[in-house]
Amino acid sequence: MLLKCQKNYWAAKLVKMLEDADVKIDNSLQIDEDKLKIIQNPIFSSTTRLTIMMILNANQQAGFTTLRNLLKITAGNMDHHTKTLETAGFLKKFKTFSFKQPMTLLKITNEGKNAFITYTDQLTDFLNKSKKLE
């Protein structure tokens, strides 16, 4: 709550400074609130989770250890992010064996694939609209 209050305080302070300096603020940017909610999805706010979803979207599945090594993060950190994605229904964990060694396999779900595609489409649309304003 404190962070949100501080964020609003600094945003208001910036707007006041711009108004005092006679800087014209363009309020013509119209953003669909539903699209903005998709872009602000807390699941994708982490670059680690976004990267995991990017890899799984391209490959359908990947080994836990392979992804962890690729991302250069600890097992605990990887576990935290995969649990968050699993709780959201975006991926499933499967235990299997590879060369008689236990292996955790991560697979993207249809819900996860749809959410990721929607997120990237909306983000691309938002960025394209931002470029047009320049």
C-alpha atoms as a PDB file:
ATOM      1  CA  MET A   1       0.000   0.000   0.000  1.00  0.00           C
ATOM      2  CA  LEU A   2       2.834   2.370   0.841  1.00  0.00           C
ATOM      3  CA  LEU A   3       4.420   1.820  -2.581  1.00  0.00           C
ATOM      4  CA  LYS A   4       1.124   2.575  -4.322  1.00  0.00           C
ATOM      5  CA  CYS A   5       0.718   5.786  -2.333  1.00  0.00           C
ATOM      6  CA  GLN A   6       4.295   6.836  -3.111  1.00  0.00           C
ATOM      7  CA  LYS A   7       3.758   6.036  -6.784  1.00  0.00           C
ATOM      8  CA  ASN A   8       0.608   8.196  -6.893  1.00  0.00           C
ATOM      9  CA  TYR A   9       2.397  10.966  -5.003  1.00  0.00           C
ATOM     10  CA  TRP A  10       5.283  11.093  -7.486  1.00  0.00           C
ATOM     11  CA  ALA A  11       2.950  10.858 -10.482  1.00  0.00           C
ATOM     12  CA  ALA A  12       0.921  13.801  -9.161  1.00  0.00           C
ATOM     13  CA  LYS A  13       4.123  15.738  -8.435  1.00  0.00           C
ATOM     14  CA  LEU A  14       5.375  15.135 -11.992  1.00  0.00           C
ATOM     15  CA  VAL A  15       2.082  16.299 -13.514  1.00  0.00           C
ATOM     16  CA  LYS A  16       2.194  19.441 -11.329  1.00  0.00           C
ATOM     17  CA  MET A  17       5.796  20.181 -12.390  1.00  0.00           C
ATOM     18  CA  LEU A  18       4.871  19.774 -16.067  1.00  0.00           C
ATOM     19  CA  GLU A  19       1.837  22.041 -15.680  1.00  0.00           C
ATOM     20  CA  ASP A  20       3.968  24.683 -13.910  1.00  0.00           C
ATOM     21  CA  ALA A  21       6.448  24.552 -16.787  1.00  0.00           C
ATOM     22  CA  ASP A  22       3.596  25.021 -19.304  1.00  0.00           C
ATOM     23  CA  VAL A  23       4.280  21.634 -20.848  1.00  0.00           C
ATOM     24  CA  LYS A  24       1.271  20.460 -22.789  1.00  0.00           C
ATOM     25  CA  ILE A  25       0.179  16.973 -21.784  1.00  0.00           C
ATOM     26  CA  ASP A  26      -1.395  14.948 -24.581  1.00  0.00           C
ATOM     27  CA  ASN A  27      -4.435  13.223 -23.093  1.00  0.00           C
ATOM     28  CA  SER A  28      -5.572  11.968 -26.494  1.00  0.00           C
ATOM     29  CA  LEU A  29      -4.038   8.514 -26.001  1.00  0.00           C
ATOM     30  CA  GLN A  30      -7.018   6.248 -25.638  1.00  0.00           C
ATOM     31  CA  ILE A  31      -6.266   2.905 -24.032  1.00  0.00           C
ATOM     32  CA  ASP A  32      -8.917   0.253 -23.717  1.00  0.00           C
ATOM     33  CA  GLU A  33      -9.050  -0.615 -20.003  1.00  0.00           C
ATOM     34  CA  ASP A  34      -9.390  -4.337 -20.740  1.00  0.00           C
ATOM     35  CA  LYS A  35      -6.238  -4.235 -22.878  1.00  0.00           C
ATOM     36  CA  LEU A  36      -4.430  -2.310 -20.164  1.00  0.00           C
ATOM     37  CA  LYS A  37      -5.380  -4.994 -17.621  1.00  0.00           C
ATOM     38  CA  ILE A  38      -3.933  -7.655 -19.925  1.00  0.00           C
ATOM     39  CA  ILE A  39      -0.692  -5.699 -20.347  1.00  0.00           C
ATOM     40  CA  GLN A  40      -0.441  -5.225 -16.579  1.00  0.00           C
ATOM     41  CA  ASN A  41      -0.916  -8.951 -15.914  1.00  0.00           C
ATOM     42  CA  PRO A  42       1.083  -9.647 -12.720  1.00  0.00           C
ATOM     43  CA  ILE A  43       1.991 -13.130 -13.960  1.00  0.00           C
ATOM     44  CA  PHE A  44       3.944 -11.623 -16.850  1.00  0.00           C
ATOM     45  CA  SER A  45       5.407  -8.739 -14.838  1.00  0.00           C
ATOM     46  CA  SER A  46       8.431 -10.899 -14.044  1.00  0.00           C
ATOM     47  CA  THR A  47      10.987 -11.175 -16.842  1.00  0.00           C
ATOM     48  CA  THR A  48      11.820 -14.681 -15.613  1.00  0.00           C
ATOM     49  CA  ARG A  49       8.211 -15.892 -15.925  1.00  0.00           C
ATOM     50  CA  LEU A  50       7.844 -14.122 -19.264  1.00  0.00           C
ATOM     51  CA  THR A  51      11.006 -15.857 -20.537  1.00  0.00           C
ATOM     52  CA  ILE A  52       9.800 -19.245 -19.272  1.00  0.00           C
ATOM     53  CA  MET A  53       6.511 -18.755 -21.113  1.00  0.00           C
ATOM     54  CA  MET A  54       8.341 -17.597 -24.245  1.00  0.00           C
ATOM     55  CA  ILE A  55      10.470 -20.752 -24.273  1.00  0.00           C
ATOM     56  CA  LEU A  56       7.536 -23.048 -23.530  1.00  0.00           C
ATOM     57  CA  ASN A  57       5.398 -21.330 -26.170  1.00  0.00           C
ATOM     58  CA  ALA A  58       8.085 -22.011 -28.776  1.00  0.00           C
ATOM     59  CA  ASN A  59       8.931 -25.571 -27.638  1.00  0.00           C
ATOM     60  CA  GLN A  60       5.737 -26.854 -25.933  1.00  0.00           C
ATOM     61  CA  GLN A  61       7.840 -28.392 -23.146  1.00  0.00           C
ATOM     62  CA  ALA A  62      11.229 -28.126 -21.451  1.00  0.00           C
ATOM     63  CA  GLY A  63      13.076 -29.716 -18.566  1.00  0.00           C
ATOM     64  CA  PHE A  64      13.126 -27.844 -15.259  1.00  0.00           C
ATOM     65  CA  THR A  65      16.925 -28.096 -14.952  1.00  0.00           C
ATOM     66  CA  THR A  66      17.488 -27.142 -18.581  1.00  0.00           C
ATOM     67  CA  LEU A  67      15.404 -23.976 -18.152  1.00  0.00           C
ATOM     68  CA  ARG A  68      17.043 -23.183 -14.812  1.00  0.00           C
ATOM     69  CA  ASN A  69      20.510 -23.442 -16.358  1.00  0.00           C
ATOM     70  CA  LEU A  70      19.466 -21.416 -19.383  1.00  0.00           C
ATOM     71  CA  LEU A  71      18.045 -18.639 -17.213  1.00  0.00           C
ATOM     72  CA  LYS A  72      20.984 -18.828 -14.773  1.00  0.00           C
ATOM     73  CA  ILE A  73      18.785 -18.776 -11.677  1.00  0.00           C
ATOM     74  CA  THR A  74      18.715 -20.889  -8.528  1.00  0.00           C
ATOM     75  CA  ALA A  75      16.519 -23.960  -8.157  1.00  0.00           C
ATOM     76  CA  GLY A  76      14.477 -22.195  -5.462  1.00  0.00           C
ATOM     77  CA  ASN A  77      13.898 -19.159  -7.655  1.00  0.00           C
ATOM     78  CA  MET A  78      12.936 -21.371 -10.589  1.00  0.00           C
ATOM     79  CA  ASP A  79      10.563 -23.346  -8.379  1.00  0.00           C
ATOM     80  CA  HIS A  80       8.894 -20.139  -7.172  1.00  0.00           C
ATOM     81  CA  HIS A  81       8.281 -18.908 -10.721  1.00  0.00           C
ATOM     82  CA  THR A  82       7.043 -22.260 -12.013  1.00  0.00           C
ATOM     83  CA  LYS A  83       4.657 -22.587  -9.051  1.00  0.00           C
ATOM     84  CA  THR A  84       3.255 -19.128  -9.844  1.00  0.00           C
ATOM     85  CA  LEU A  85       2.721 -20.130 -13.478  1.00  0.00           C
ATOM     86  CA  GLU A  86       1.258 -23.493 -12.457  1.00  0.00           C
ATOM     87  CA  THR A  87      -1.154 -21.865  -9.980  1.00  0.00           C
ATOM     88  CA  ALA A  88      -2.321 -19.555 -12.781  1.00  0.00           C
ATOM     89  CA  GLY A  89      -2.939 -22.639 -14.932  1.00  0.00           C
ATOM     90  CA  PHE A  90      -0.316 -21.653 -17.510  1.00  0.00           C
ATOM     91  CA  LEU A  91       1.896 -24.720 -17.177  1.00  0.00           C
ATOM     92  CA  LYS A  92       1.903 -28.262 -15.824  1.00  0.00           C
ATOM     93  CA  LYS A  93       4.752 -30.094 -14.125  1.00  0.00           C
ATOM     94  CA  PHE A  94       5.342 -33.766 -14.871  1.00  0.00           C
ATOM     95  CA  LYS A  95       7.782 -36.110 -13.167  1.00  0.00           C
ATOM     96  CA  THR A  96       9.491 -38.542 -15.526  1.00  0.00           C
ATOM     97  CA  PHE A  97      12.767 -40.380 -16.020  1.00  0.00           C
ATOM     98  CA  SER A  98      15.528 -39.687 -18.504  1.00  0.00           C
ATOM     99  CA  PHE A  99      18.344 -42.239 -18.687  1.00  0.00           C
ATOM    100  CA  LYS A 100      17.206 -43.644 -15.318  1.00  0.00           C
ATOM    101  CA  GLN A 101      17.465 -40.184 -13.750  1.00  0.00           C
ATOM    102  CA  PRO A 102      14.399 -38.383 -12.350  1.00  0.00           C
ATOM    103  CA  MET A 103      13.427 -35.346 -14.373  1.00  0.00           C
ATOM    104  CA  THR A 104      10.805 -32.628 -13.996  1.00  0.00           C
ATOM    105  CA  LEU A 105       9.238 -31.686 -17.292  1.00  0.00           C
ATOM    106  CA  LEU A 106       7.325 -28.416 -17.764  1.00  0.00           C
ATOM    107  CA  LYS A 107       4.591 -28.224 -20.402  1.00  0.00           C
ATOM    108  CA  ILE A 108       2.604 -25.174 -21.444  1.00  0.00           C
ATOM    109  CA  THR A 109      -1.182 -25.547 -21.152  1.00  0.00           C
ATOM    110  CA  ASN A 110      -3.703 -24.324 -23.721  1.00  0.00           C
ATOM    111  CA  GLU A 111      -4.741 -21.645 -21.228  1.00  0.00           C
ATOM    112  CA  GLY A 112      -1.096 -20.603 -20.855  1.00  0.00           C
ATOM    113  CA  LYS A 113      -0.555 -20.500 -24.615  1.00  0.00           C
ATOM    114  CA  ASN A 114      -3.701 -18.386 -25.103  1.00  0.00           C
ATOM    115  CA  ALA A 115      -2.771 -16.016 -22.263  1.00  0.00           C
ATOM    116  CA  PHE A 116       0.773 -15.588 -23.588  1.00  0.00           C
ATOM    117  CA  ILE A 117      -0.397 -14.950 -27.160  1.00  0.00           C
ATOM    118  CA  THR A 118      -3.035 -12.480 -25.941  1.00  0.00           C
ATOM    119  CA  TYR A 119      -0.429 -10.714 -23.797  1.00  0.00           C
ATOM    120  CA  THR A 120       2.096 -10.397 -26.621  1.00  0.00           C
ATOM    121  CA  ASP A 121      -0.566  -9.289 -29.135  1.00  0.00           C
ATOM    122  CA  GLN A 122      -1.904  -6.608 -26.788  1.00  0.00           C
ATOM    123  CA  LEU A 123       1.599  -5.428 -25.891  1.00  0.00           C
ATOM    124  CA  THR A 124       2.546  -5.217 -29.580  1.00  0.00           C
ATOM    125  CA  ASP A 125      -0.649  -3.284 -30.316  1.00  0.00           C
ATOM    126  CA  PHE A 126       0.058  -0.901 -27.428  1.00  0.00           C
ATOM    127  CA  LEU A 127       3.661  -0.325 -28.579  1.00  0.00           C
ATOM    128  CA  ASN A 128       2.569   0.276 -32.174  1.00  0.00           C
ATOM    129  CA  LYS A 129       0.066   2.896 -31.006  1.00  0.00           C
ATOM    130  CA  SER A 130       2.801   4.533 -28.899  1.00  0.00           C
ATOM    131  CA  LYS A 131       5.093   4.773 -31.953  1.00  0.00           C
ATOM    132  CA  LYS A 132       2.357   6.494 -33.964  1.00  0.00           C
ATOM    133  CA  LEU A 133       2.214   9.301 -31.372  1.00  0.00           C
ATOM    134  CA  GLU A 134       5.888  10.178 -31.851  1.00  0.00           C
END
